[in-house]
Amino acid sequence: MARPEKIRLGEILVGQKIISEEQLKLALEEQKRTGRKLGRFFVEQGYVTEEQISEAIAKQLNIPFINLKYYNLKPEIVRLLPETQARRFRAIVMEQKGQGVLVGMADPTDLFAYDEIARIVKRDINLAVVNETLLLATIDRMYRRTEEISDRA
């Protein structure tokens, strides 16, 4: 799969009629003032759910959105990506696909994360979008606070 492209979340949500132009304008002003991520602002204001954001990104990038609540993960596959990197890049290796792997990411447009994950797992990567809150809960569950990060706590 080709590297992901950078997208403008606000434009996608307006284009899909999930938020209004006015809501986007308010969010952009807030982002400029505080540096916060747009998606987080939209969710906190109640404009959208995390799932709506994830689905909109998936649709725009033409990659799948996967709900981790209903996905059966194998620990040996998940651990192809060490826990510290999984947390840092908000990503999880979900399954092996031929010579490559399916990686769920909260932000599949993060080109640096994509390159680093590909380097670490030494395989081709296919991307899917996952909900960030569920992703973090899944990382907690799958790695069960391995020794890898316990010495850093």
N, C-alpha and C. Protein backbone atom coordinates (compact mmCIF):
# COMPACT_ATOMS: atom_id res chain seq x y z
N MET A 1 0.84 -1.19 0.00
CA MET A 1 0.00 0.00 0.00
C MET A 1 0.88 1.24 0.00
N ALA A 2 0.48 2.25 -0.70
CA ALA A 2 1.21 3.51 -0.74
C ALA A 2 1.11 4.21 0.61
N ARG A 3 2.06 5.09 0.85
CA ARG A 3 2.02 5.87 2.09
C ARG A 3 0.74 6.69 2.12
N PRO A 4 0.23 6.93 3.32
CA PRO A 4 -1.01 7.71 3.43
C PRO A 4 -0.77 9.17 3.02
N GLU A 5 -1.84 9.84 2.70
CA GLU A 5 -1.75 11.25 2.34
C GLU A 5 -2.26 12.10 3.49
N LYS A 6 -1.81 13.36 3.52
CA LYS A 6 -2.28 14.27 4.56
C LYS A 6 -3.66 14.77 4.15
N ILE A 7 -4.58 14.84 5.09
CA ILE A 7 -5.94 15.29 4.80
C ILE A 7 -6.34 16.38 5.79
N ARG A 8 -7.35 17.12 5.45
CA ARG A 8 -7.89 18.16 6.34
C ARG A 8 -9.20 17.65 6.94
N LEU A 9 -9.13 17.29 8.21
CA LEU A 9 -10.27 16.69 8.89
C LEU A 9 -11.51 17.59 8.83
N GLY A 10 -11.33 18.86 9.10
CA GLY A 10 -12.47 19.78 9.11
C GLY A 10 -13.19 19.81 7.77
N GLU A 11 -12.43 19.87 6.68
CA GLU A 11 -13.03 19.89 5.35
C GLU A 11 -13.80 18.60 5.06
N ILE A 12 -13.26 17.48 5.51
CA ILE A 12 -13.93 16.19 5.30
C ILE A 12 -15.27 16.17 6.03
N LEU A 13 -15.26 16.60 7.31
CA LEU A 13 -16.48 16.57 8.11
C LEU A 13 -17.54 17.53 7.56
N VAL A 14 -17.10 18.69 7.07
CA VAL A 14 -18.05 19.63 6.46
C VAL A 14 -18.59 19.03 5.16
N GLY A 15 -17.68 18.47 4.35
CA GLY A 15 -18.08 17.87 3.07
C GLY A 15 -19.07 16.73 3.24
N GLN A 16 -18.94 15.98 4.33
CA GLN A 16 -19.86 14.88 4.60
C GLN A 16 -21.05 15.33 5.43
N LYS A 17 -21.16 16.64 5.64
CA LYS A 17 -22.27 17.26 6.36
C LYS A 17 -22.42 16.74 7.81
N ILE A 18 -21.27 16.45 8.42
CA ILE A 18 -21.26 16.01 9.82
C ILE A 18 -21.18 17.23 10.74
N ILE A 19 -20.44 18.26 10.30
CA ILE A 19 -20.39 19.53 11.04
C ILE A 19 -20.70 20.66 10.06
N SER A 20 -20.97 21.84 10.61
CA SER A 20 -21.25 23.00 9.77
C SER A 20 -19.96 23.81 9.55
N GLU A 21 -20.02 24.72 8.57
CA GLU A 21 -18.90 25.63 8.31
C GLU A 21 -18.62 26.47 9.56
N GLU A 22 -19.67 26.88 10.25
CA GLU A 22 -19.52 27.69 11.46
C GLU A 22 -18.80 26.91 12.57
N GLN A 23 -19.16 25.64 12.74
CA GLN A 23 -18.49 24.81 13.74
C GLN A 23 -17.02 24.64 13.39
N LEU A 24 -16.72 24.48 12.11
CA LEU A 24 -15.33 24.34 11.67
C LEU A 24 -14.56 25.62 11.96
N LYS A 25 -15.18 26.76 11.67
CA LYS A 25 -14.53 28.06 11.90
C LYS A 25 -14.20 28.23 13.39
N LEU A 26 -15.14 27.90 14.27
CA LEU A 26 -14.91 27.98 15.71
C LEU A 26 -13.76 27.07 16.13
N ALA A 27 -13.76 25.86 15.59
CA ALA A 27 -12.73 24.89 15.94
C ALA A 27 -11.35 25.35 15.47
N LEU A 28 -11.28 25.91 14.28
CA LEU A 28 -9.99 26.40 13.76
C LEU A 28 -9.46 27.57 14.60
N GLU A 29 -10.36 28.43 15.06
CA GLU A 29 -9.95 29.53 15.94
C GLU A 29 -9.41 28.98 17.26
N GLU A 30 -10.09 27.99 17.81
CA GLU A 30 -9.66 27.34 19.05
C GLU A 30 -8.31 26.66 18.86
N GLN A 31 -8.14 25.98 17.72
CA GLN A 31 -6.89 25.29 17.45
C GLN A 31 -5.74 26.29 17.35
N LYS A 32 -5.98 27.41 16.68
CA LYS A 32 -4.94 28.43 16.53
C LYS A 32 -4.56 28.99 17.90
N ARG A 33 -5.56 29.17 18.76
CA ARG A 33 -5.35 29.75 20.09
C ARG A 33 -4.64 28.79 21.04
N THR A 34 -5.03 27.49 21.00
CA THR A 34 -4.54 26.55 22.00
C THR A 34 -3.61 25.47 21.46
N GLY A 35 -3.64 25.22 20.15
CA GLY A 35 -2.81 24.16 19.58
C GLY A 35 -3.43 22.78 19.70
N ARG A 36 -4.66 22.70 20.21
CA ARG A 36 -5.33 21.40 20.36
C ARG A 36 -5.71 20.83 19.01
N LYS A 37 -5.87 19.50 18.98
CA LYS A 37 -6.30 18.85 17.74
C LYS A 37 -7.77 19.14 17.47
N LEU A 38 -8.08 19.30 16.19
CA LEU A 38 -9.46 19.60 15.79
C LEU A 38 -10.44 18.51 16.22
N GLY A 39 -10.08 17.27 15.95
CA GLY A 39 -10.96 16.15 16.27
C GLY A 39 -11.34 16.13 17.74
N ARG A 40 -10.35 16.36 18.60
CA ARG A 40 -10.60 16.38 20.05
C ARG A 40 -11.59 17.49 20.39
N PHE A 41 -11.42 18.66 19.79
CA PHE A 41 -12.33 19.78 20.03
C PHE A 41 -13.75 19.44 19.59
N PHE A 42 -13.89 18.85 18.39
CA PHE A 42 -15.22 18.48 17.88
C PHE A 42 -15.92 17.51 18.84
N VAL A 43 -15.18 16.53 19.35
CA VAL A 43 -15.76 15.54 20.26
C VAL A 43 -16.15 16.21 21.58
N GLU A 44 -15.24 17.01 22.14
CA GLU A 44 -15.52 17.67 23.43
C GLU A 44 -16.70 18.63 23.34
N GLN A 45 -16.90 19.25 22.19
CA GLN A 45 -18.03 20.16 22.02
C GLN A 45 -19.33 19.41 21.74
N GLY A 46 -19.22 18.10 21.50
CA GLY A 46 -20.42 17.31 21.23
C GLY A 46 -20.88 17.41 19.78
N TYR A 47 -20.04 17.96 18.91
CA TYR A 47 -20.41 18.07 17.49
C TYR A 47 -20.44 16.70 16.83
N VAL A 48 -19.51 15.83 17.23
CA VAL A 48 -19.36 14.51 16.62
C VAL A 48 -18.91 13.51 17.67
N THR A 49 -18.97 12.24 17.30
CA THR A 49 -18.39 11.19 18.15
C THR A 49 -17.03 10.81 17.56
N GLU A 50 -16.20 10.17 18.37
CA GLU A 50 -14.91 9.69 17.87
C GLU A 50 -15.12 8.75 16.69
N GLU A 51 -16.17 7.94 16.78
CA GLU A 51 -16.45 6.98 15.72
C GLU A 51 -16.78 7.70 14.40
N GLN A 52 -17.54 8.79 14.47
CA GLN A 52 -17.86 9.54 13.25
C GLN A 52 -16.59 10.11 12.61
N ILE A 53 -15.67 10.59 13.44
CA ILE A 53 -14.41 11.12 12.92
C ILE A 53 -13.63 9.99 12.24
N SER A 54 -13.51 8.85 12.93
CA SER A 54 -12.78 7.72 12.37
C SER A 54 -13.39 7.25 11.05
N GLU A 55 -14.70 7.15 11.01
CA GLU A 55 -15.38 6.71 9.78
C GLU A 55 -15.19 7.71 8.64
N ALA A 56 -15.21 9.01 8.96
CA ALA A 56 -15.01 10.03 7.93
C ALA A 56 -13.60 9.96 7.35
N ILE A 57 -12.62 9.77 8.22
CA ILE A 57 -11.23 9.65 7.75
C ILE A 57 -11.07 8.41 6.88
N ALA A 58 -11.64 7.30 7.33
CA ALA A 58 -11.55 6.05 6.56
C ALA A 58 -12.17 6.21 5.18
N LYS A 59 -13.33 6.86 5.14
CA LYS A 59 -14.01 7.07 3.86
C LYS A 59 -13.16 7.95 2.94
N GLN A 60 -12.60 9.01 3.49
CA GLN A 60 -11.79 9.93 2.70
C GLN A 60 -10.54 9.23 2.15
N LEU A 61 -9.90 8.41 2.96
CA LEU A 61 -8.66 7.74 2.55
C LEU A 61 -8.92 6.43 1.80
N ASN A 62 -10.18 6.04 1.75
CA ASN A 62 -10.56 4.79 1.09
C ASN A 62 -9.87 3.58 1.72
N ILE A 63 -9.86 3.57 3.05
CA ILE A 63 -9.34 2.43 3.81
C ILE A 63 -10.42 2.03 4.82
N PRO A 64 -10.34 0.82 5.34
CA PRO A 64 -11.41 0.39 6.26
C PRO A 64 -11.36 1.07 7.62
N PHE A 65 -12.55 1.22 8.21
CA PHE A 65 -12.67 1.59 9.61
C PHE A 65 -12.99 0.30 10.34
N ILE A 66 -12.23 -0.01 11.37
CA ILE A 66 -12.45 -1.25 12.12
C ILE A 66 -12.77 -0.92 13.57
N ASN A 67 -13.89 -1.45 14.05
CA ASN A 67 -14.29 -1.26 15.44
C ASN A 67 -13.58 -2.34 16.27
N LEU A 68 -12.64 -1.91 17.10
CA LEU A 68 -11.84 -2.85 17.89
C LEU A 68 -12.68 -3.63 18.91
N LYS A 69 -13.87 -3.13 19.21
CA LYS A 69 -14.76 -3.82 20.14
C LYS A 69 -15.11 -5.22 19.63
N TYR A 70 -15.17 -5.34 18.31
CA TYR A 70 -15.61 -6.59 17.70
C TYR A 70 -14.50 -7.31 16.94
N TYR A 71 -13.26 -6.95 17.21
CA TYR A 71 -12.15 -7.52 16.44
C TYR A 71 -11.34 -8.45 17.33
N ASN A 72 -11.06 -9.64 16.83
CA ASN A 72 -10.32 -10.64 17.59
C ASN A 72 -8.83 -10.52 17.28
N LEU A 73 -8.07 -10.04 18.25
CA LEU A 73 -6.63 -9.85 18.06
C LEU A 73 -5.83 -11.00 18.65
N LYS A 74 -4.71 -11.30 18.02
CA LYS A 74 -3.81 -12.34 18.52
C LYS A 74 -2.59 -11.66 19.15
N PRO A 75 -2.31 -11.95 20.42
CA PRO A 75 -1.20 -11.28 21.12
C PRO A 75 0.14 -11.37 20.38
N GLU A 76 0.43 -12.51 19.77
CA GLU A 76 1.74 -12.64 19.09
C GLU A 76 1.84 -11.73 17.86
N ILE A 77 0.72 -11.42 17.24
CA ILE A 77 0.71 -10.50 16.10
C ILE A 77 0.79 -9.06 16.61
N VAL A 78 0.00 -8.75 17.63
CA VAL A 78 0.00 -7.40 18.21
C VAL A 78 1.41 -7.01 18.65
N ARG A 79 2.14 -7.95 19.22
CA ARG A 79 3.46 -7.64 19.78
C ARG A 79 4.56 -7.50 18.74
N LEU A 80 4.21 -7.60 17.45
CA LEU A 80 5.20 -7.28 16.41
C LEU A 80 5.63 -5.82 16.54
N LEU A 81 4.73 -5.00 17.08
CA LEU A 81 5.04 -3.60 17.35
C LEU A 81 5.17 -3.45 18.86
N PRO A 82 6.36 -3.10 19.36
CA PRO A 82 6.54 -2.96 20.81
C PRO A 82 5.55 -1.96 21.42
N GLU A 83 5.22 -2.18 22.68
CA GLU A 83 4.20 -1.37 23.34
C GLU A 83 4.51 0.12 23.33
N THR A 84 5.76 0.50 23.58
CA THR A 84 6.07 1.93 23.61
C THR A 84 5.76 2.59 22.27
N GLN A 85 6.06 1.91 21.17
CA GLN A 85 5.76 2.48 19.85
C GLN A 85 4.26 2.44 19.56
N ALA A 86 3.58 1.38 20.01
CA ALA A 86 2.13 1.30 19.83
C ALA A 86 1.45 2.50 20.49
N ARG A 87 1.88 2.83 21.69
CA ARG A 87 1.31 3.97 22.40
C ARG A 87 1.72 5.30 21.75
N ARG A 88 2.98 5.40 21.41
CA ARG A 88 3.48 6.64 20.81
C ARG A 88 2.79 6.97 19.48
N PHE A 89 2.64 5.94 18.64
CA PHE A 89 2.07 6.16 17.31
C PHE A 89 0.56 5.92 17.26
N ARG A 90 -0.04 5.56 18.41
CA ARG A 90 -1.48 5.27 18.46
C ARG A 90 -1.83 4.27 17.37
N ALA A 91 -1.13 3.11 17.44
CA ALA A 91 -1.28 2.09 16.39
C ALA A 91 -1.23 0.70 17.01
N ILE A 92 -1.83 -0.26 16.29
CA ILE A 92 -1.80 -1.64 16.73
C ILE A 92 -1.76 -2.56 15.51
N VAL A 93 -0.89 -3.57 15.57
CA VAL A 93 -0.83 -4.55 14.49
C VAL A 93 -1.98 -5.52 14.72
N MET A 94 -2.85 -5.64 13.71
CA MET A 94 -4.09 -6.38 13.89
C MET A 94 -4.06 -7.79 13.33
N GLU A 95 -3.43 -7.96 12.18
CA GLU A 95 -3.35 -9.30 11.59
C GLU A 95 -2.27 -9.34 10.53
N GLN A 96 -1.85 -10.56 10.24
CA GLN A 96 -0.89 -10.79 9.17
C GLN A 96 -1.67 -11.01 7.88
N LYS A 97 -1.22 -10.38 6.80
CA LYS A 97 -1.89 -10.51 5.50
C LYS A 97 -0.81 -10.81 4.47
N GLY A 98 -0.63 -12.07 4.14
CA GLY A 98 0.42 -12.44 3.19
C GLY A 98 1.77 -12.03 3.72
N GLN A 99 2.50 -11.24 2.94
CA GLN A 99 3.82 -10.75 3.37
C GLN A 99 3.72 -9.50 4.23
N GLY A 100 2.53 -8.95 4.39
CA GLY A 100 2.36 -7.71 5.13
C GLY A 100 1.53 -7.88 6.39
N VAL A 101 1.22 -6.74 6.99
CA VAL A 101 0.38 -6.73 8.19
C VAL A 101 -0.67 -5.63 8.06
N LEU A 102 -1.80 -5.84 8.74
CA LEU A 102 -2.83 -4.83 8.84
C LEU A 102 -2.59 -4.07 10.14
N VAL A 103 -2.44 -2.75 10.03
CA VAL A 103 -2.18 -1.91 11.20
C VAL A 103 -3.34 -0.94 11.37
N GLY A 104 -3.93 -0.95 12.56
CA GLY A 104 -4.97 0.00 12.89
C GLY A 104 -4.34 1.23 13.52
N MET A 105 -4.69 2.41 13.01
CA MET A 105 -4.13 3.66 13.53
C MET A 105 -5.24 4.66 13.82
N ALA A 106 -5.07 5.40 14.90
CA ALA A 106 -6.02 6.48 15.20
C ALA A 106 -5.85 7.61 14.19
N ASP A 107 -4.61 7.84 13.73
CA ASP A 107 -4.34 8.87 12.72
C ASP A 107 -3.53 8.26 11.58
N PRO A 108 -4.21 7.68 10.60
CA PRO A 108 -3.50 7.02 9.50
C PRO A 108 -2.81 8.00 8.55
N THR A 109 -2.93 9.30 8.80
CA THR A 109 -2.24 10.27 7.95
C THR A 109 -0.88 10.66 8.54
N ASP A 110 -0.52 10.09 9.67
CA ASP A 110 0.76 10.38 10.30
C ASP A 110 1.87 9.65 9.54
N LEU A 111 2.51 10.37 8.64
CA LEU A 111 3.51 9.77 7.76
C LEU A 111 4.74 9.29 8.52
N PHE A 112 5.16 10.03 9.53
CA PHE A 112 6.31 9.62 10.33
C PHE A 112 6.01 8.28 11.02
N ALA A 113 4.82 8.18 11.64
CA ALA A 113 4.44 6.94 12.32
C ALA A 113 4.40 5.78 11.33
N TYR A 114 3.82 6.00 10.16
CA TYR A 114 3.73 4.96 9.14
C TYR A 114 5.12 4.44 8.79
N ASP A 115 6.06 5.35 8.52
CA ASP A 115 7.42 4.95 8.16
C ASP A 115 8.11 4.20 9.29
N GLU A 116 7.95 4.68 10.51
CA GLU A 116 8.58 4.03 11.67
C GLU A 116 8.00 2.64 11.92
N ILE A 117 6.70 2.51 11.82
CA ILE A 117 6.06 1.20 12.03
C ILE A 117 6.54 0.22 10.96
N ALA A 118 6.60 0.66 9.71
CA ALA A 118 7.08 -0.21 8.63
C ALA A 118 8.52 -0.65 8.90
N ARG A 119 9.34 0.27 9.40
CA ARG A 119 10.74 -0.06 9.72
C ARG A 119 10.81 -1.08 10.86
N ILE A 120 9.99 -0.89 11.88
CA ILE A 120 10.02 -1.76 13.06
C ILE A 120 9.51 -3.16 12.74
N VAL A 121 8.38 -3.27 12.05
CA VAL A 121 7.79 -4.60 11.79
C VAL A 121 8.41 -5.29 10.58
N LYS A 122 9.18 -4.51 9.77
CA LYS A 122 9.88 -5.06 8.61
C LYS A 122 8.95 -5.81 7.65
N ARG A 123 7.76 -5.24 7.44
CA ARG A 123 6.77 -5.82 6.53
C ARG A 123 6.02 -4.69 5.83
N ASP A 124 5.34 -5.05 4.74
CA ASP A 124 4.45 -4.08 4.10
C ASP A 124 3.28 -3.82 5.05
N ILE A 125 2.77 -2.60 5.00
CA ILE A 125 1.67 -2.23 5.90
C ILE A 125 0.43 -1.88 5.11
N ASN A 126 -0.69 -2.46 5.54
CA ASN A 126 -2.02 -2.04 5.08
C ASN A 126 -2.65 -1.34 6.27
N LEU A 127 -3.28 -0.19 6.02
CA LEU A 127 -3.82 0.60 7.11
C LEU A 127 -5.32 0.45 7.27
N ALA A 128 -5.76 0.62 8.51
CA ALA A 128 -7.17 0.73 8.85
C ALA A 128 -7.27 1.85 9.89
N VAL A 129 -8.43 2.47 9.95
CA VAL A 129 -8.67 3.51 10.95
C VAL A 129 -9.35 2.86 12.14
N VAL A 130 -8.90 3.22 13.35
CA VAL A 130 -9.53 2.73 14.58
C VAL A 130 -9.80 3.91 15.50
N ASN A 131 -10.79 3.75 16.36
CA ASN A 131 -11.18 4.75 17.35
C ASN A 131 -10.06 4.85 18.40
N GLU A 132 -9.58 6.06 18.69
CA GLU A 132 -8.43 6.24 19.59
C GLU A 132 -8.70 5.75 21.01
N THR A 133 -9.87 6.02 21.56
CA THR A 133 -10.17 5.59 22.93
C THR A 133 -10.17 4.06 23.02
N LEU A 134 -10.82 3.41 22.06
CA LEU A 134 -10.82 1.94 22.05
C LEU A 134 -9.42 1.39 21.81
N LEU A 135 -8.65 2.07 20.97
CA LEU A 135 -7.28 1.64 20.69
C LEU A 135 -6.45 1.64 21.97
N LEU A 136 -6.52 2.71 22.73
CA LEU A 136 -5.73 2.79 23.97
C LEU A 136 -6.17 1.72 24.98
N ALA A 137 -7.47 1.48 25.07
CA ALA A 137 -7.97 0.42 25.96
C ALA A 137 -7.48 -0.94 25.48
N THR A 138 -7.46 -1.14 24.18
CA THR A 138 -7.00 -2.41 23.60
C THR A 138 -5.50 -2.60 23.85
N ILE A 139 -4.73 -1.53 23.70
CA ILE A 139 -3.29 -1.61 23.98
C ILE A 139 -3.08 -2.00 25.44
N ASP A 140 -3.83 -1.36 26.35
CA ASP A 140 -3.73 -1.72 27.77
C ASP A 140 -4.00 -3.21 27.98
N ARG A 141 -5.06 -3.69 27.35
CA ARG A 141 -5.47 -5.08 27.52
C ARG A 141 -4.48 -6.06 26.88
N MET A 142 -4.03 -5.76 25.67
CA MET A 142 -3.19 -6.70 24.93
C MET A 142 -1.77 -6.78 25.48
N TYR A 143 -1.22 -5.68 25.91
CA TYR A 143 0.16 -5.70 26.40
C TYR A 143 0.21 -5.95 27.90
N ARG A 144 -0.90 -5.68 28.58
CA ARG A 144 -0.99 -5.88 30.03
C ARG A 144 0.21 -5.32 30.77
N ARG A 145 0.57 -4.10 30.38
CA ARG A 145 1.67 -3.40 31.05
C ARG A 145 2.93 -4.27 31.10
N THR A 146 3.42 -4.64 29.97
CA THR A 146 4.61 -5.50 29.88
C THR A 146 5.80 -4.85 30.56
N GLU A 147 6.81 -5.64 30.81
CA GLU A 147 8.01 -5.15 31.47
C GLU A 147 8.66 -4.06 30.63
N GLU A 148 8.37 -4.07 29.35
CA GLU A 148 9.00 -3.11 28.45
C GLU A 148 8.83 -1.66 28.93
N ILE A 149 7.66 -1.31 29.48
CA ILE A 149 7.48 0.07 29.92
C ILE A 149 7.41 0.20 31.44
N SER A 150 7.32 -0.89 32.16
CA SER A 150 7.15 -0.79 33.61
C SER A 150 8.37 -0.14 34.27
N ASP A 151 9.55 -0.30 33.69
CA ASP A 151 10.72 0.32 34.29
C ASP A 151 10.78 1.82 34.01
N ARG A 152 9.91 2.31 33.13
CA ARG A 152 9.89 3.74 32.81
C ARG A 152 8.82 4.49 33.58
N ALA A 153 7.97 3.75 34.27
CA ALA A 153 6.86 4.39 34.97
C ALA A 153 7.35 5.13 36.19
